[in-house]
């Protein structure tokens, strides 16, 4: 079984959504973790949009990447440019992947417009996660 880490800035939205979908698509093919270079808590809107798609991330926690220093990761996926550029080095032979997803927590406008941005980013991450599992978790 592979160990996969999803890394973002605050481990509140994008990495949490990615963790949820990677777990869903990978099943028992991989152990999925998510972390941030900071911790901001899991964003309630991320929980809400995932629930709309049948994925429960309400029990996820916001973790700092340092908490996982002893786990031998096979793959590390950064989901924002800030995490890619500022990721602290830790001993790993993991293959690194990167895709910069827009931060839905920075969305502005009406409540409906903000939720639409969360849904758009959710759907982008879902497609990425499904493709990643098909390509890298066989």
Protein backbone atom coordinates (compact mmCIF):
# COMPACT_ATOMS: atom_id res chain seq x y z
CA UNK A 1 0.00 0.00 0.00
CA UNK A 2 1.26 3.47 -0.91
CA UNK A 3 1.53 6.39 1.51
CA UNK A 4 0.41 9.64 -0.09
CA UNK A 5 0.67 13.11 1.46
CA UNK A 6 -1.35 16.08 0.17
CA UNK A 7 0.24 19.35 1.18
CA UNK A 8 -1.21 22.87 1.17
CA UNK A 9 -0.64 26.12 3.01
CA UNK A 10 -3.12 25.84 5.90
CA UNK A 11 -4.57 22.33 5.50
CA UNK A 12 -8.07 23.80 5.60
CA UNK A 13 -9.64 23.53 2.12
CA UNK A 14 -7.80 22.21 -0.93
CA UNK A 15 -5.72 19.56 0.80
CA UNK A 16 -8.72 18.44 2.86
CA UNK A 17 -10.85 18.08 -0.27
CA UNK A 18 -8.04 16.22 -2.02
CA UNK A 19 -7.58 13.89 0.95
CA UNK A 20 -11.29 13.09 0.89
CA UNK A 21 -11.36 12.27 -2.81
CA UNK A 22 -8.06 10.39 -2.83
CA UNK A 23 -9.33 8.19 0.02
CA UNK A 24 -12.59 7.65 -1.89
CA UNK A 25 -10.93 6.70 -5.17
CA UNK A 26 -7.92 4.81 -3.77
CA UNK A 27 -9.80 2.67 -1.27
CA UNK A 28 -7.30 0.19 0.20
CA UNK A 29 -4.62 0.92 -2.42
CA UNK A 30 -3.18 3.85 -0.46
CA UNK A 31 -3.04 5.51 2.93
CA UNK A 32 -3.84 9.18 2.44
CA UNK A 33 -2.67 12.02 4.67
CA UNK A 34 -3.00 15.77 4.37
CA UNK A 35 -1.06 18.53 6.04
CA UNK A 36 -0.17 22.18 5.81
CA UNK A 37 2.92 24.23 6.30
CA UNK A 38 0.59 25.98 8.78
CA UNK A 39 -2.68 24.78 10.35
CA UNK A 40 -5.87 26.78 9.97
CA UNK A 41 -8.53 24.22 10.92
CA UNK A 42 -10.85 22.50 8.46
CA UNK A 43 -12.98 25.06 6.62
CA UNK A 44 -16.73 24.48 7.22
CA UNK A 45 -17.49 25.35 3.58
CA UNK A 46 -15.11 22.59 2.43
CA UNK A 47 -16.97 20.16 4.69
CA UNK A 48 -20.28 21.36 3.24
CA UNK A 49 -19.35 21.04 -0.45
CA UNK A 50 -17.85 17.61 0.11
CA UNK A 51 -21.02 16.47 1.89
CA UNK A 52 -22.99 17.64 -1.14
CA UNK A 53 -20.98 15.09 -3.16
CA UNK A 54 -21.38 12.32 -0.58
CA UNK A 55 -17.90 12.55 0.98
CA UNK A 56 -17.71 13.14 4.74
CA UNK A 57 -14.62 15.07 5.82
CA UNK A 58 -16.19 16.42 9.00
CA UNK A 59 -13.84 14.37 11.18
CA UNK A 60 -10.67 15.46 9.37
CA UNK A 61 -8.15 17.43 11.38
CA UNK A 62 -5.79 20.19 10.28
CA UNK A 63 -2.25 18.88 10.65
CA UNK A 64 1.21 20.38 10.31
CA UNK A 65 3.55 18.65 7.87
CA UNK A 66 6.07 18.16 10.69
CA UNK A 67 3.72 15.66 12.34
CA UNK A 68 4.38 13.23 9.49
CA UNK A 69 8.18 13.41 9.37
CA UNK A 70 8.53 9.70 10.22
CA UNK A 71 6.12 8.36 7.58
CA UNK A 72 7.79 6.98 4.44
CA UNK A 73 5.71 8.70 1.76
CA UNK A 74 5.68 7.34 -1.75
CA UNK A 75 4.03 10.43 -3.23
CA UNK A 76 3.72 14.05 -2.07
CA UNK A 77 1.17 16.22 -3.87
CA UNK A 78 1.29 19.98 -3.36
CA UNK A 79 -2.02 21.63 -4.22
CA UNK A 80 -0.94 25.26 -4.05
CA UNK A 81 2.10 27.20 -5.22
CA UNK A 82 2.80 28.54 -1.72
CA UNK A 83 3.15 25.02 -0.31
CA UNK A 84 5.35 23.96 -3.21
CA UNK A 85 7.67 26.93 -2.73
CA UNK A 86 7.73 26.85 1.08
CA UNK A 87 7.49 23.16 1.87
CA UNK A 88 9.98 22.32 4.57
CA UNK A 89 12.38 19.60 3.60
CA UNK A 90 11.91 16.31 5.33
CA UNK A 91 13.62 13.01 4.57
CA UNK A 92 11.70 11.26 1.85
CA UNK A 93 12.22 9.43 -1.38
CA UNK A 94 8.69 10.39 -2.39
CA UNK A 95 7.87 11.36 -5.91
CA UNK A 96 6.59 14.93 -5.92
CA UNK A 97 3.56 16.15 -7.85
CA UNK A 98 2.11 19.64 -8.08
CA UNK A 99 -1.13 21.24 -9.20
CA UNK A 100 -2.02 24.77 -8.16
CA UNK A 101 -5.72 24.94 -7.35
CA UNK A 102 -7.34 28.32 -6.66
CA UNK A 103 -7.93 28.90 -2.95
CA UNK A 104 -11.72 28.94 -2.50
CA UNK A 105 -11.32 30.45 0.98
CA UNK A 106 -10.26 33.68 -0.74
CA UNK A 107 -13.45 33.87 -2.82
CA UNK A 108 -15.48 37.05 -2.53
CA UNK A 109 -19.03 38.00 -3.40
CA UNK A 110 -22.39 36.82 -2.17
CA UNK A 111 -22.69 33.67 -0.07
CA UNK A 112 -23.93 31.87 -3.19
CA UNK A 113 -20.98 33.07 -5.28
CA UNK A 114 -18.51 31.96 -2.62
CA UNK A 115 -20.12 28.50 -2.43
CA UNK A 116 -20.05 28.27 -6.24
CA UNK A 117 -16.28 28.88 -6.10
CA UNK A 118 -15.91 26.12 -3.50
CA UNK A 119 -17.89 23.77 -5.77
CA UNK A 120 -15.78 24.65 -8.80
CA UNK A 121 -12.53 23.97 -6.93
CA UNK A 122 -14.03 20.80 -5.42
CA UNK A 123 -14.88 19.51 -8.89
CA UNK A 124 -11.39 20.33 -10.21
CA UNK A 125 -9.78 18.49 -7.29
CA UNK A 126 -12.15 15.54 -7.73
CA UNK A 127 -11.10 15.13 -11.38
CA UNK A 128 -7.42 15.45 -10.43
CA UNK A 129 -7.73 12.91 -7.59
CA UNK A 130 -9.56 10.38 -9.74
CA UNK A 131 -6.95 10.66 -12.48
CA UNK A 132 -4.09 10.51 -9.95
CA UNK A 133 -5.38 7.28 -8.45
CA UNK A 134 -5.89 5.70 -11.88
CA UNK A 135 -2.38 6.70 -12.94
CA UNK A 136 -0.35 6.18 -9.76
CA UNK A 137 -2.16 3.67 -7.52
CA UNK A 138 -2.32 0.51 -9.59
